[in-house]
Each structure stands twice: as structure tokens, then as C-alpha cells.
């Protein structure tokens, strides 16, 4: 999941996710949570 997050962070250089999270941006937090859930679902199906 960390690799997926870092890859997405590199693909979107105009948005600094860490800074936005520290500033309390709820939309970014929800987006990252959705990213983690979707990656977990994909990995879960791949392992099953």
C-alpha cells in the first residue's frame, strides 16, 4: 500500500498530500482512505 501511495504521489506532483493532510484537508484524507481501500481489495482478490 505504501508503494501505491508513493507512486500516486509521484504521478500528481501538483498536490502535496502530506501537507494537505497536516492542514486538515478532509477531502484529501477521504481520497487517500479510498485509495488504500481499493488497493487492499485488489490485493485481496489477487491473493485469493
N, C-alpha and C. Protein backbone atom coordinates (compact mmCIF):
# COMPACT_ATOMS: atom_id res chain seq x y z
N UNK A 1 0.82 -1.18 0.00
CA UNK A 1 0.00 0.00 0.00
C UNK A 1 0.87 1.25 0.00
N UNK A 2 1.99 1.18 0.70
CA UNK A 2 2.88 2.33 0.72
C UNK A 2 3.42 2.60 -0.68
N UNK A 3 3.74 1.54 -1.41
CA UNK A 3 4.25 1.71 -2.77
C UNK A 3 3.19 2.35 -3.66
N UNK A 4 1.95 1.93 -3.52
CA UNK A 4 0.87 2.53 -4.31
C UNK A 4 0.69 4.00 -3.95
N UNK A 5 0.77 4.32 -2.68
CA UNK A 5 0.64 5.72 -2.25
C UNK A 5 1.78 6.56 -2.81
N UNK A 6 3.01 6.07 -2.69
CA UNK A 6 4.17 6.82 -3.19
C UNK A 6 4.11 6.98 -4.71
N UNK A 7 3.65 5.94 -5.42
CA UNK A 7 3.52 6.03 -6.87
C UNK A 7 2.50 7.09 -7.24
N UNK A 8 1.36 7.07 -6.59
CA UNK A 8 0.33 8.07 -6.88
C UNK A 8 0.80 9.46 -6.50
N UNK A 9 1.57 9.57 -5.44
CA UNK A 9 2.13 10.86 -5.03
C UNK A 9 3.09 11.39 -6.09
N UNK A 10 3.88 10.51 -6.68
CA UNK A 10 4.81 10.93 -7.74
C UNK A 10 4.07 11.29 -9.03
N UNK A 11 2.93 10.64 -9.29
CA UNK A 11 2.16 10.92 -10.51
C UNK A 11 1.39 12.23 -10.43
N UNK A 12 1.19 12.74 -9.23
CA UNK A 12 0.46 14.00 -9.05
C UNK A 12 1.33 15.00 -8.29
N UNK A 13 2.34 15.56 -8.95
CA UNK A 13 3.27 16.45 -8.23
C UNK A 13 2.65 17.79 -7.82
N UNK A 14 1.53 18.17 -8.44
CA UNK A 14 0.93 19.47 -8.10
C UNK A 14 0.19 19.44 -6.77
N UNK A 15 -0.05 18.25 -6.23
CA UNK A 15 -0.73 18.12 -4.94
C UNK A 15 0.23 17.50 -3.94
N UNK A 16 0.47 18.20 -2.84
CA UNK A 16 1.32 17.67 -1.78
C UNK A 16 0.40 17.07 -0.71
N UNK A 17 0.22 15.76 -0.78
CA UNK A 17 -0.74 15.09 0.09
C UNK A 17 -0.37 15.23 1.56
N UNK A 18 0.91 15.11 1.89
CA UNK A 18 1.32 15.19 3.29
C UNK A 18 1.00 16.57 3.88
N UNK A 19 1.27 17.61 3.13
CA UNK A 19 0.97 18.96 3.61
C UNK A 19 -0.52 19.19 3.75
N UNK A 20 -1.27 18.71 2.77
CA UNK A 20 -2.72 18.87 2.82
C UNK A 20 -3.32 18.13 4.02
N UNK A 21 -2.78 16.95 4.32
CA UNK A 21 -3.26 16.21 5.50
C UNK A 21 -2.93 16.95 6.79
N UNK A 22 -1.73 17.52 6.86
CA UNK A 22 -1.35 18.28 8.05
C UNK A 22 -2.20 19.53 8.22
N UNK A 23 -2.67 20.09 7.10
CA UNK A 23 -3.54 21.27 7.16
C UNK A 23 -4.98 20.91 7.48
N UNK A 24 -5.29 19.63 7.58
CA UNK A 24 -6.64 19.19 7.94
C UNK A 24 -7.60 19.11 6.77
N UNK A 25 -7.08 18.91 5.57
CA UNK A 25 -7.94 18.81 4.40
C UNK A 25 -8.66 17.45 4.42
N UNK A 26 -9.95 17.48 4.70
CA UNK A 26 -10.74 16.26 4.85
C UNK A 26 -10.90 15.55 3.51
N UNK A 27 -11.02 16.30 2.43
CA UNK A 27 -11.20 15.70 1.11
C UNK A 27 -9.99 14.85 0.73
N UNK A 28 -8.80 15.32 1.03
CA UNK A 28 -7.59 14.56 0.74
C UNK A 28 -7.53 13.32 1.62
N UNK A 29 -7.94 13.44 2.86
CA UNK A 29 -7.95 12.29 3.76
C UNK A 29 -8.91 11.21 3.27
N UNK A 30 -10.09 11.62 2.82
CA UNK A 30 -11.06 10.66 2.29
C UNK A 30 -10.53 10.02 1.02
N UNK A 31 -9.89 10.81 0.17
CA UNK A 31 -9.33 10.28 -1.08
C UNK A 31 -8.25 9.24 -0.80
N UNK A 32 -7.35 9.53 0.12
CA UNK A 32 -6.28 8.58 0.44
C UNK A 32 -6.85 7.32 1.09
N UNK A 33 -7.86 7.48 1.93
CA UNK A 33 -8.51 6.31 2.53
C UNK A 33 -9.15 5.44 1.45
N UNK A 34 -9.80 6.07 0.47
CA UNK A 34 -10.40 5.32 -0.63
C UNK A 34 -9.33 4.63 -1.47
N UNK A 35 -8.19 5.29 -1.66
CA UNK A 35 -7.08 4.68 -2.38
C UNK A 35 -6.59 3.44 -1.65
N UNK A 36 -6.42 3.53 -0.33
CA UNK A 36 -5.96 2.38 0.45
C UNK A 36 -6.97 1.23 0.41
N UNK A 37 -8.24 1.55 0.52
CA UNK A 37 -9.27 0.50 0.49
C UNK A 37 -9.29 -0.18 -0.87
N UNK A 38 -9.19 0.59 -1.95
CA UNK A 38 -9.22 0.00 -3.29
C UNK A 38 -7.99 -0.87 -3.53
N UNK A 39 -6.83 -0.43 -3.08
CA UNK A 39 -5.62 -1.25 -3.23
C UNK A 39 -5.75 -2.53 -2.41
N UNK A 40 -6.30 -2.44 -1.22
CA UNK A 40 -6.49 -3.63 -0.38
C UNK A 40 -7.44 -4.62 -1.04
N UNK A 41 -8.49 -4.12 -1.68
CA UNK A 41 -9.43 -5.01 -2.37
C UNK A 41 -8.74 -5.69 -3.55
N UNK A 42 -7.97 -4.94 -4.31
CA UNK A 42 -7.27 -5.51 -5.47
C UNK A 42 -6.27 -6.57 -5.02
N UNK A 43 -5.49 -6.27 -3.99
CA UNK A 43 -4.50 -7.23 -3.50
C UNK A 43 -5.21 -8.45 -2.91
N UNK A 44 -6.30 -8.23 -2.20
CA UNK A 44 -7.06 -9.35 -1.64
C UNK A 44 -7.58 -10.30 -2.70
N UNK A 45 -8.09 -9.74 -3.78
CA UNK A 45 -8.58 -10.59 -4.87
C UNK A 45 -7.43 -11.27 -5.61
N UNK A 46 -6.30 -10.62 -5.70
CA UNK A 46 -5.15 -11.23 -6.37
C UNK A 46 -4.59 -12.40 -5.57
N UNK A 47 -4.66 -12.32 -4.25
CA UNK A 47 -4.13 -13.39 -3.42
C UNK A 47 -5.11 -14.55 -3.24
N UNK A 48 -6.35 -14.31 -3.54
CA UNK A 48 -7.35 -15.35 -3.33
C UNK A 48 -7.48 -16.29 -4.48
